[in-house]
Amino acid sequence: METAPVDKNEPCENVNADEIEPRSVDDYDTEDETEAEEEDVWHEVPVVPEKPVMVFGREVNAVLFEMCMGLLAYAVICQAVIPWFTPNALSFSLGLWLGIITAYAYLFHIWWSIGRYIYMGAAAAIMARKQMALRYLVIIVILVTTAIIATLLFLGTALGLFGIKTAALMQPLVRKLRTRNEVAAPEANEMT
């Protein structure tokens, strides 16, 4: 059966289903794929289940814990270094810790929202958007309020809120530090 060539720029709805010839698996060139598979040597790494993170006797989400630890490290570094270079260290420090507390509330609210809406289906998207809008509204109100009160208070609060981004970037490092003694190579266990 001979068919007319189909223009790639032509809309799909103009293509007749009878004009499309089915192709078998044998029609595709798999030599390059098999050569690539032979060149790449994959070693199976056994999955070691993580120990749960316990805080005050309760199990908590590991990623949330790691992000909170990263945010705390960020806050301590900012508090130790930046106030030395500001004319009003007290105003800046109050703003910084207000931003850090708001960032913690933001992280916990995201964790709560995801845990609540992940299994709800289509209605979850609408509820998640409402919760996201609520988070942004709270952050805007806090930033506008601190900007009206004092400039350094605003800058400290904004820097504290940026800690969320830093905590997200630091999370893999915190996880590596937290689990460095938990994961042992299987070969080392077999030899002993």
N, C-alpha and C. Protein backbone atom coordinates (compact mmCIF):
# COMPACT_ATOMS: atom_id res chain seq x y z
N MET A 1 0.84 -1.18 0.00
CA MET A 1 0.00 0.00 0.00
C MET A 1 0.88 1.23 0.00
N GLU A 2 0.75 2.06 -0.98
CA GLU A 2 1.56 3.25 -1.12
C GLU A 2 0.75 4.46 -0.67
N THR A 3 1.37 5.29 0.18
CA THR A 3 0.65 6.46 0.70
C THR A 3 1.40 7.72 0.36
N ALA A 4 0.68 8.81 0.40
CA ALA A 4 1.29 10.11 0.14
C ALA A 4 2.08 10.53 1.36
N PRO A 5 3.19 11.22 1.17
CA PRO A 5 3.97 11.66 2.34
C PRO A 5 3.17 12.68 3.16
N VAL A 6 3.33 12.59 4.44
CA VAL A 6 2.61 13.48 5.35
C VAL A 6 3.55 14.61 5.75
N ASP A 7 3.07 15.83 5.62
CA ASP A 7 3.85 16.99 6.00
C ASP A 7 3.88 17.08 7.52
N LYS A 8 5.08 17.26 8.11
CA LYS A 8 5.18 17.32 9.56
C LYS A 8 4.52 18.57 10.13
N ASN A 9 4.42 19.61 9.33
CA ASN A 9 3.80 20.85 9.79
C ASN A 9 2.28 20.82 9.70
N GLU A 10 1.75 19.81 9.06
CA GLU A 10 0.31 19.69 8.89
C GLU A 10 -0.32 19.22 10.19
N PRO A 11 -1.47 19.76 10.58
CA PRO A 11 -2.11 19.34 11.83
C PRO A 11 -2.43 17.85 11.81
N CYS A 12 -2.41 17.25 12.99
CA CYS A 12 -2.63 15.81 13.13
C CYS A 12 -4.04 15.39 12.72
N GLU A 13 -5.00 16.25 12.85
CA GLU A 13 -6.38 15.85 12.57
C GLU A 13 -6.61 15.57 11.09
N ASN A 14 -5.71 16.05 10.22
CA ASN A 14 -5.86 15.81 8.79
C ASN A 14 -5.24 14.49 8.35
N VAL A 15 -4.62 13.76 9.24
CA VAL A 15 -3.99 12.50 8.91
C VAL A 15 -5.03 11.39 9.03
N ASN A 16 -5.14 10.60 7.99
CA ASN A 16 -6.07 9.48 7.99
C ASN A 16 -5.40 8.30 8.68
N ALA A 17 -6.11 7.65 9.56
CA ALA A 17 -5.55 6.53 10.31
C ALA A 17 -5.16 5.38 9.39
N ASP A 18 -5.81 5.26 8.23
CA ASP A 18 -5.48 4.18 7.30
C ASP A 18 -4.13 4.42 6.63
N GLU A 19 -3.66 5.68 6.61
CA GLU A 19 -2.39 6.00 5.96
C GLU A 19 -1.18 5.63 6.82
N ILE A 20 -1.39 5.40 8.10
CA ILE A 20 -0.29 5.11 9.01
C ILE A 20 -0.05 3.62 9.03
N GLU A 21 1.18 3.24 8.71
CA GLU A 21 1.53 1.83 8.71
C GLU A 21 2.14 1.47 10.06
N PRO A 22 1.65 0.41 10.67
CA PRO A 22 2.25 0.01 11.95
C PRO A 22 3.65 -0.54 11.73
N ARG A 23 4.52 -0.29 12.68
CA ARG A 23 5.89 -0.78 12.60
C ARG A 23 6.11 -1.81 13.69
N SER A 24 6.92 -2.79 13.38
CA SER A 24 7.22 -3.80 14.38
C SER A 24 8.49 -3.40 15.12
N VAL A 25 8.78 -4.10 16.17
CA VAL A 25 9.97 -3.83 16.96
C VAL A 25 11.22 -4.04 16.13
N ASP A 26 11.16 -4.97 15.17
CA ASP A 26 12.33 -5.26 14.35
C ASP A 26 12.69 -4.11 13.42
N ASP A 27 11.75 -3.20 13.16
CA ASP A 27 12.02 -2.09 12.25
C ASP A 27 12.95 -1.05 12.87
N TYR A 28 13.05 -1.01 14.17
CA TYR A 28 13.88 0.00 14.83
C TYR A 28 15.31 -0.50 14.92
N ASP A 29 16.24 0.42 14.79
CA ASP A 29 17.66 0.09 14.87
C ASP A 29 18.05 0.03 16.35
N THR A 30 18.37 -1.15 16.81
CA THR A 30 18.71 -1.32 18.22
C THR A 30 20.18 -1.60 18.43
N GLU A 31 20.98 -1.56 17.38
CA GLU A 31 22.40 -1.85 17.52
C GLU A 31 23.08 -0.83 18.42
N ASP A 32 22.75 0.47 18.24
CA ASP A 32 23.38 1.50 19.05
C ASP A 32 23.02 1.33 20.52
N GLU A 33 21.77 0.96 20.80
CA GLU A 33 21.33 0.79 22.18
C GLU A 33 22.03 -0.38 22.84
N THR A 34 22.19 -1.50 22.12
CA THR A 34 22.84 -2.66 22.73
C THR A 34 24.33 -2.38 22.96
N GLU A 35 24.97 -1.67 22.03
CA GLU A 35 26.37 -1.32 22.23
C GLU A 35 26.53 -0.43 23.45
N ALA A 36 25.61 0.53 23.61
CA ALA A 36 25.67 1.42 24.76
C ALA A 36 25.45 0.65 26.06
N GLU A 37 24.54 -0.32 26.04
CA GLU A 37 24.29 -1.12 27.23
C GLU A 37 25.50 -1.97 27.58
N GLU A 38 26.21 -2.48 26.56
CA GLU A 38 27.38 -3.30 26.82
C GLU A 38 28.53 -2.45 27.37
N GLU A 39 28.64 -1.20 26.91
CA GLU A 39 29.71 -0.34 27.37
C GLU A 39 29.48 0.10 28.82
N ASP A 40 28.24 0.42 29.17
CA ASP A 40 27.93 0.85 30.53
C ASP A 40 27.82 -0.37 31.42
N VAL A 41 28.59 -0.35 32.47
CA VAL A 41 28.53 -1.45 33.43
C VAL A 41 27.81 -0.92 34.66
N TRP A 42 26.66 -1.49 34.92
CA TRP A 42 25.85 -1.07 36.06
C TRP A 42 26.01 -2.09 37.17
N HIS A 43 26.30 -1.61 38.32
CA HIS A 43 26.38 -2.48 39.48
C HIS A 43 25.13 -2.26 40.31
N GLU A 44 24.53 -3.34 40.71
CA GLU A 44 23.35 -3.20 41.54
C GLU A 44 23.77 -2.81 42.95
N VAL A 45 23.20 -1.72 43.42
CA VAL A 45 23.47 -1.25 44.77
C VAL A 45 22.26 -1.60 45.62
N PRO A 46 22.47 -2.35 46.67
CA PRO A 46 21.32 -2.72 47.50
C PRO A 46 20.76 -1.48 48.20
N VAL A 47 19.46 -1.44 48.31
CA VAL A 47 18.80 -0.33 48.98
C VAL A 47 18.77 -0.63 50.47
N VAL A 48 19.39 0.25 51.21
CA VAL A 48 19.42 0.09 52.66
C VAL A 48 18.32 0.99 53.22
N PRO A 49 17.34 0.41 53.92
CA PRO A 49 16.28 1.24 54.46
C PRO A 49 16.83 2.18 55.52
N GLU A 50 16.36 3.43 55.47
CA GLU A 50 16.82 4.42 56.43
C GLU A 50 16.15 4.21 57.77
N LYS A 51 16.90 4.54 58.81
CA LYS A 51 16.30 4.54 60.12
C LYS A 51 15.41 5.78 60.22
N PRO A 52 14.27 5.67 60.86
CA PRO A 52 13.41 6.85 60.99
C PRO A 52 14.07 7.90 61.86
N VAL A 53 13.77 9.16 61.58
CA VAL A 53 14.29 10.26 62.37
C VAL A 53 13.36 10.46 63.56
N MET A 54 13.92 10.38 64.75
CA MET A 54 13.13 10.53 65.96
C MET A 54 13.45 11.87 66.61
N VAL A 55 12.42 12.66 66.88
CA VAL A 55 12.57 13.93 67.57
C VAL A 55 11.57 13.94 68.72
N PHE A 56 12.07 14.11 69.93
CA PHE A 56 11.24 14.10 71.13
C PHE A 56 10.37 12.85 71.20
N GLY A 57 10.93 11.72 70.79
CA GLY A 57 10.22 10.45 70.86
C GLY A 57 9.20 10.21 69.76
N ARG A 58 9.12 11.11 68.79
CA ARG A 58 8.17 10.95 67.69
C ARG A 58 8.93 10.84 66.37
N GLU A 59 8.40 10.01 65.48
CA GLU A 59 9.00 9.87 64.16
C GLU A 59 8.57 11.05 63.28
N VAL A 60 9.55 11.68 62.62
CA VAL A 60 9.26 12.82 61.76
C VAL A 60 9.78 12.54 60.36
N ASN A 61 9.28 13.29 59.40
CA ASN A 61 9.71 13.18 58.01
C ASN A 61 11.19 13.54 57.92
N ALA A 62 11.98 12.69 57.28
CA ALA A 62 13.42 12.89 57.22
C ALA A 62 13.79 14.15 56.45
N VAL A 63 13.12 14.41 55.34
CA VAL A 63 13.45 15.60 54.53
C VAL A 63 13.11 16.87 55.31
N LEU A 64 11.99 16.88 55.99
CA LEU A 64 11.61 18.04 56.79
C LEU A 64 12.63 18.28 57.89
N PHE A 65 13.05 17.22 58.56
CA PHE A 65 14.06 17.34 59.61
C PHE A 65 15.36 17.90 59.05
N GLU A 66 15.79 17.37 57.91
CA GLU A 66 17.05 17.82 57.32
C GLU A 66 16.96 19.27 56.87
N MET A 67 15.82 19.67 56.33
CA MET A 67 15.67 21.07 55.93
C MET A 67 15.64 21.99 57.15
N CYS A 68 15.03 21.54 58.22
CA CYS A 68 15.01 22.34 59.45
C CYS A 68 16.42 22.49 60.02
N MET A 69 17.22 21.43 59.97
CA MET A 69 18.60 21.52 60.44
C MET A 69 19.43 22.45 59.55
N GLY A 70 19.20 22.40 58.25
CA GLY A 70 19.88 23.31 57.34
C GLY A 70 19.48 24.75 57.59
N LEU A 71 18.21 24.98 57.85
CA LEU A 71 17.72 26.33 58.15
C LEU A 71 18.31 26.83 59.45
N LEU A 72 18.44 25.97 60.45
CA LEU A 72 19.05 26.36 61.72
C LEU A 72 20.52 26.73 61.53
N ALA A 73 21.24 25.94 60.75
CA ALA A 73 22.65 26.24 60.47
C ALA A 73 22.77 27.59 59.75
N TYR A 74 21.91 27.82 58.78
CA TYR A 74 21.89 29.09 58.05
C TYR A 74 21.63 30.26 59.01
N ALA A 75 20.67 30.09 59.93
CA ALA A 75 20.33 31.15 60.87
C ALA A 75 21.50 31.47 61.80
N VAL A 76 22.16 30.43 62.29
CA VAL A 76 23.29 30.64 63.20
C VAL A 76 24.42 31.36 62.48
N ILE A 77 24.72 30.97 61.25
CA ILE A 77 25.78 31.63 60.49
C ILE A 77 25.43 33.09 60.23
N CYS A 78 24.20 33.35 59.80
CA CYS A 78 23.78 34.75 59.56
C CYS A 78 23.84 35.56 60.85
N GLN A 79 23.40 34.99 61.96
CA GLN A 79 23.38 35.71 63.23
C GLN A 79 24.80 35.98 63.72
N ALA A 80 25.71 35.09 63.45
CA ALA A 80 27.09 35.25 63.92
C ALA A 80 27.87 36.26 63.09
N VAL A 81 27.56 36.38 61.81
CA VAL A 81 28.40 37.20 60.93
C VAL A 81 27.80 38.57 60.61
N ILE A 82 26.57 38.62 60.15
CA ILE A 82 26.03 39.84 59.56
C ILE A 82 25.80 40.98 60.54
N PRO A 83 25.32 40.77 61.77
CA PRO A 83 25.09 41.92 62.65
C PRO A 83 26.33 42.78 62.92
N TRP A 84 27.52 42.24 62.76
CA TRP A 84 28.74 43.02 62.96
C TRP A 84 28.87 44.14 61.92
N PHE A 85 28.19 44.00 60.79
CA PHE A 85 28.31 44.97 59.71
C PHE A 85 27.09 45.88 59.57
N THR A 86 26.18 45.85 60.53
CA THR A 86 24.97 46.67 60.45
C THR A 86 25.00 47.74 61.53
N PRO A 87 24.41 48.91 61.27
CA PRO A 87 24.42 49.97 62.28
C PRO A 87 23.51 49.67 63.49
N ASN A 88 22.45 48.90 63.29
CA ASN A 88 21.54 48.56 64.38
C ASN A 88 21.39 47.04 64.40
N ALA A 89 22.27 46.40 65.15
CA ALA A 89 22.31 44.93 65.17
C ALA A 89 21.05 44.34 65.78
N LEU A 90 20.46 45.00 66.75
CA LEU A 90 19.26 44.47 67.40
C LEU A 90 18.09 44.41 66.42
N SER A 91 17.88 45.47 65.66
CA SER A 91 16.78 45.49 64.69
C SER A 91 16.99 44.41 63.62
N PHE A 92 18.23 44.29 63.16
CA PHE A 92 18.51 43.28 62.15
C PHE A 92 18.30 41.87 62.71
N SER A 93 18.77 41.62 63.93
CA SER A 93 18.64 40.29 64.54
C SER A 93 17.18 39.93 64.78
N LEU A 94 16.38 40.88 65.24
CA LEU A 94 14.95 40.61 65.42
C LEU A 94 14.30 40.26 64.09
N GLY A 95 14.65 41.00 63.04
CA GLY A 95 14.11 40.71 61.71
C GLY A 95 14.56 39.36 61.20
N LEU A 96 15.84 39.04 61.44
CA LEU A 96 16.37 37.75 60.99
C LEU A 96 15.62 36.60 61.66
N TRP A 97 15.43 36.67 62.96
CA TRP A 97 14.76 35.57 63.66
C TRP A 97 13.27 35.55 63.35
N LEU A 98 12.66 36.70 63.08
CA LEU A 98 11.28 36.71 62.61
C LEU A 98 11.18 35.99 61.26
N GLY A 99 12.13 36.26 60.38
CA GLY A 99 12.16 35.58 59.08
C GLY A 99 12.41 34.09 59.21
N ILE A 100 13.30 33.70 60.14
CA ILE A 100 13.59 32.28 60.34
C ILE A 100 12.37 31.56 60.90
N ILE A 101 11.69 32.17 61.87
CA ILE A 101 10.48 31.55 62.43
C ILE A 101 9.41 31.44 61.35
N THR A 102 9.28 32.47 60.52
CA THR A 102 8.32 32.41 59.42
C THR A 102 8.71 31.32 58.42
N ALA A 103 9.99 31.16 58.17
CA ALA A 103 10.46 30.11 57.26
C ALA A 103 10.15 28.73 57.83
N TYR A 104 10.34 28.55 59.14
CA TYR A 104 9.97 27.27 59.76
C TYR A 104 8.47 27.01 59.61
N ALA A 105 7.66 28.04 59.86
CA ALA A 105 6.21 27.88 59.70
C ALA A 105 5.87 27.52 58.26
N TYR A 106 6.57 28.15 57.30
CA TYR A 106 6.37 27.88 55.88
C TYR A 106 6.68 26.42 55.56
N LEU A 107 7.81 25.92 56.05
CA LEU A 107 8.20 24.53 55.81
C LEU A 107 7.20 23.56 56.40
N PHE A 108 6.79 23.81 57.64
CA PHE A 108 5.83 22.91 58.28
C PHE A 108 4.47 22.96 57.57
N HIS A 109 4.09 24.13 57.09
CA HIS A 109 2.81 24.23 56.39
C HIS A 109 2.86 23.48 55.05
N ILE A 110 3.98 23.56 54.34
CA ILE A 110 4.14 22.79 53.11
C ILE A 110 4.06 21.30 53.41
N TRP A 111 4.77 20.85 54.44
CA TRP A 111 4.76 19.44 54.82
C TRP A 111 3.34 19.00 55.18
N TRP A 112 2.64 19.81 55.94
CA TRP A 112 1.27 19.48 56.33
C TRP A 112 0.36 19.42 55.11
N SER A 113 0.51 20.39 54.20
CA SER A 113 -0.34 20.43 53.00
C SER A 113 -0.11 19.22 52.12
N ILE A 114 1.15 18.87 51.90
CA ILE A 114 1.45 17.72 51.04
C ILE A 114 0.89 16.45 51.67
N GLY A 115 1.10 16.27 52.95
CA GLY A 115 0.59 15.08 53.62
C GLY A 115 -0.92 14.99 53.61
N ARG A 116 -1.58 16.12 53.63
CA ARG A 116 -3.04 16.12 53.67
C ARG A 116 -3.66 15.93 52.30
N TYR A 117 -3.07 16.54 51.26
CA TYR A 117 -3.71 16.58 49.95
C TYR A 117 -3.18 15.57 48.94
N ILE A 118 -2.15 14.83 49.28
CA ILE A 118 -1.51 13.97 48.28
C ILE A 118 -2.43 12.86 47.78
N TYR A 119 -3.34 12.38 48.60
CA TYR A 119 -4.20 11.28 48.20
C TYR A 119 -5.64 11.70 47.91
N MET A 120 -5.90 13.00 47.79
CA MET A 120 -7.27 13.47 47.63
C MET A 120 -7.78 13.46 46.20
N GLY A 121 -6.91 13.41 45.23
CA GLY A 121 -7.37 13.41 43.84
C GLY A 121 -7.47 14.81 43.26
N ALA A 122 -8.49 15.03 42.43
CA ALA A 122 -8.62 16.28 41.68
C ALA A 122 -8.89 17.48 42.59
N ALA A 123 -9.62 17.30 43.65
CA ALA A 123 -9.93 18.41 44.56
C ALA A 123 -8.68 18.89 45.29
N ALA A 124 -7.67 18.05 45.37
CA ALA A 124 -6.45 18.42 46.08
C ALA A 124 -5.73 19.57 45.41
N ALA A 125 -5.75 19.65 44.09
CA ALA A 125 -5.05 20.72 43.39
C ALA A 125 -5.62 22.08 43.77
N ILE A 126 -6.93 22.16 43.86
CA ILE A 126 -7.57 23.43 44.22
C ILE A 126 -7.22 23.79 45.66
N MET A 127 -7.29 22.82 46.56
CA MET A 127 -6.98 23.08 47.96
C MET A 127 -5.50 23.44 48.13
N ALA A 128 -4.63 22.77 47.40
CA ALA A 128 -3.20 23.06 47.50
C ALA A 128 -2.91 24.48 47.02
N ARG A 129 -3.58 24.92 45.97
CA ARG A 129 -3.41 26.30 45.49
C ARG A 129 -3.87 27.30 46.52
N LYS A 130 -4.97 27.00 47.18
CA LYS A 130 -5.46 27.90 48.24
C LYS A 130 -4.46 27.98 49.39
N GLN A 131 -3.89 26.85 49.77
CA GLN A 131 -2.91 26.85 50.85
C GLN A 131 -1.64 27.60 50.45
N MET A 132 -1.23 27.45 49.19
CA MET A 132 -0.06 28.16 48.69
C MET A 132 -0.32 29.66 48.70
N ALA A 133 -1.52 30.07 48.28
CA ALA A 133 -1.87 31.49 48.29
C ALA A 133 -1.87 32.02 49.72
N LEU A 134 -2.33 31.22 50.67
CA LEU A 134 -2.32 31.62 52.07
C LEU A 134 -0.89 31.83 52.56
N ARG A 135 0.01 30.92 52.22
CA ARG A 135 1.42 31.07 52.61
C ARG A 135 2.01 32.35 52.05
N TYR A 136 1.78 32.61 50.76
CA TYR A 136 2.32 33.82 50.15
C TYR A 136 1.71 35.08 50.75
N LEU A 137 0.44 35.05 51.07
CA LEU A 137 -0.22 36.20 51.68
C LEU A 137 0.40 36.50 53.05
N VAL A 138 0.64 35.48 53.85
CA VAL A 138 1.26 35.68 55.16
C VAL A 138 2.65 36.27 55.00
N ILE A 139 3.43 35.76 54.06
CA ILE A 139 4.78 36.29 53.85
C ILE A 139 4.73 37.75 53.39
N ILE A 140 3.81 38.08 52.50
CA ILE A 140 3.69 39.46 52.03
C ILE A 140 3.30 40.39 53.18
N VAL A 141 2.36 39.96 54.02
CA VAL A 141 1.94 40.79 55.16
C VAL A 141 3.12 41.01 56.11
N ILE A 142 3.88 39.97 56.39
CA ILE A 142 5.02 40.10 57.29
C ILE A 142 6.07 41.03 56.69
N LEU A 143 6.38 40.87 55.41
CA LEU A 143 7.39 41.72 54.78
C LEU A 143 6.94 43.19 54.72
N VAL A 144 5.69 43.42 54.38
CA VAL A 144 5.20 44.81 54.31
C VAL A 144 5.19 45.44 55.70
N THR A 145 4.77 44.69 56.71
CA THR A 145 4.75 45.21 58.08
C THR A 145 6.15 45.56 58.55
N THR A 146 7.12 44.69 58.31
CA THR A 146 8.49 44.98 58.74
C THR A 146 9.10 46.11 57.93
N ALA A 147 8.72 46.26 56.67
CA ALA A 147 9.24 47.37 55.85
C ALA A 147 8.71 48.70 56.37
N ILE A 148 7.49 48.72 56.86
CA ILE A 148 6.91 49.96 57.41
C ILE A 148 7.60 50.33 58.72
N ILE A 149 7.94 49.32 59.53
CA ILE A 149 8.52 49.59 60.86
C ILE A 149 9.96 50.08 60.75
N ALA A 150 10.82 49.29 60.11
CA ALA A 150 12.24 49.67 60.02
C ALA A 150 12.89 48.94 58.85
N THR A 151 13.85 49.62 58.24
CA THR A 151 14.53 49.05 57.07
C THR A 151 15.35 47.81 57.45
N LEU A 152 16.12 47.89 58.53
CA LEU A 152 16.94 46.75 58.92
C LEU A 152 16.08 45.58 59.37
N LEU A 153 14.95 45.86 59.98
CA LEU A 153 14.02 44.79 60.36
C LEU A 153 13.53 44.07 59.10
N PHE A 154 13.21 44.83 58.07
CA PHE A 154 12.77 44.26 56.80
C PHE A 154 13.88 43.43 56.16
N LEU A 155 15.10 43.99 56.11
CA LEU A 155 16.20 43.26 55.48
C LEU A 155 16.51 41.97 56.23
N GLY A 156 16.47 42.01 57.56
CA GLY A 156 16.70 40.80 58.35
C GLY A 156 15.61 39.76 58.11
N THR A 157 14.36 40.22 58.03
CA THR A 157 13.25 39.29 57.77
C THR A 157 13.38 38.67 56.39
N ALA A 158 13.70 39.48 55.39
CA ALA A 158 13.87 38.95 54.03
C ALA A 158 15.02 37.95 53.99
N LEU A 159 16.12 38.27 54.67
CA LEU A 159 17.25 37.33 54.69
C LEU A 159 16.87 36.04 55.40
N GLY A 160 16.09 36.14 56.46
CA GLY A 160 15.62 34.94 57.15
C GLY A 160 14.72 34.09 56.27
N LEU A 161 13.87 34.74 55.49
CA LEU A 161 12.99 33.99 54.58
C LEU A 161 13.78 33.34 53.45
N PHE A 162 14.88 33.95 53.04
CA PHE A 162 15.73 33.32 52.02
C PHE A 162 16.36 32.03 52.54
N GLY A 163 16.31 31.84 53.84
CA GLY A 163 16.84 30.62 54.43
C GLY A 163 16.13 29.38 53.94
N ILE A 164 14.88 29.51 53.48
CA ILE A 164 14.17 28.36 52.92
C ILE A 164 14.92 27.82 51.71
N LYS A 165 15.36 28.71 50.86
CA LYS A 165 16.10 28.29 49.66
C LYS A 165 17.43 27.66 50.05
N THR A 166 18.12 28.29 50.99
CA THR A 166 19.40 27.75 51.43
C THR A 166 19.23 26.38 52.08
N ALA A 167 18.18 26.23 52.87
CA ALA A 167 17.92 24.94 53.51
C ALA A 167 17.63 23.86 52.46
N ALA A 168 16.92 24.23 51.41
CA ALA A 168 16.64 23.26 50.35
C ALA A 168 17.92 22.85 49.64
N LEU A 169 18.83 23.80 49.44
CA LEU A 169 20.10 23.48 48.80
C LEU A 169 21.02 22.68 49.72
N MET A 170 20.91 22.91 51.02
CA MET A 170 21.77 22.22 51.98
C MET A 170 21.24 20.84 52.36
N GLN A 171 19.99 20.52 52.01
CA GLN A 171 19.37 19.27 52.44
C GLN A 171 20.17 18.03 52.04
N PRO A 172 20.69 17.92 50.80
CA PRO A 172 21.49 16.72 50.49
C PRO A 172 22.76 16.62 51.34
N LEU A 173 23.39 17.75 51.65
CA LEU A 173 24.57 17.72 52.50
C LEU A 173 24.21 17.29 53.91
N VAL A 174 23.11 17.82 54.44
CA VAL A 174 22.68 17.44 55.78
C VAL A 174 22.33 15.95 55.82
N ARG A 175 21.69 15.45 54.75
CA ARG A 175 21.37 14.02 54.70
C ARG A 175 22.65 13.19 54.68
N LYS A 176 23.63 13.63 53.91
CA LYS A 176 24.89 12.88 53.85
C LYS A 176 25.56 12.86 55.23
N LEU A 177 25.55 14.00 55.91
CA LEU A 177 26.14 14.05 57.25
C LEU A 177 25.34 13.21 58.24
N ARG A 178 24.02 13.22 58.12
CA ARG A 178 23.18 12.49 59.05
C ARG A 178 23.30 10.98 58.86
N THR A 179 23.47 10.53 57.64
CA THR A 179 23.47 9.09 57.35
C THR A 179 24.86 8.53 57.10
N ARG A 180 25.91 9.27 57.36
CA ARG A 180 27.26 8.79 57.02
C ARG A 180 27.64 7.53 57.77
N ASN A 181 27.14 7.33 58.97
CA ASN A 181 27.47 6.13 59.74
C ASN A 181 26.44 5.03 59.58
N GLU A 182 25.27 5.34 59.01
CA GLU A 182 24.20 4.36 58.90
C GLU A 182 24.40 3.41 57.73
N VAL A 183 24.90 3.92 56.60
CA VAL A 183 25.02 3.12 55.39
C VAL A 183 26.42 2.54 55.32
N ALA A 184 26.49 1.23 55.33
CA ALA A 184 27.77 0.53 55.21
C ALA A 184 27.75 -0.27 53.93
N ALA A 185 28.90 -0.40 53.30
CA ALA A 185 28.98 -1.17 52.07
C ALA A 185 28.69 -2.64 52.35
N PRO A 186 27.90 -3.31 51.49
CA PRO A 186 27.58 -4.72 51.74
C PRO A 186 28.82 -5.60 51.70
N GLU A 187 29.83 -5.23 50.88
CA GLU A 187 31.04 -6.04 50.81
C GLU A 187 31.77 -6.04 52.14
N ALA A 188 31.75 -4.90 52.84
CA ALA A 188 32.44 -4.83 54.12
C ALA A 188 31.76 -5.72 55.15
N ASN A 189 30.43 -5.81 55.07
CA ASN A 189 29.70 -6.67 56.00
C ASN A 189 29.96 -8.15 55.71
N GLU A 190 30.14 -8.49 54.44
CA GLU A 190 30.36 -9.88 54.07
C GLU A 190 31.75 -10.36 54.46
N MET A 191 32.74 -9.47 54.43
CA MET A 191 34.10 -9.87 54.71
C MET A 191 34.34 -10.11 56.20
N THR A 192 33.58 -9.44 57.03
CA THR A 192 33.84 -9.60 58.47
C THR A 192 33.07 -10.74 59.05
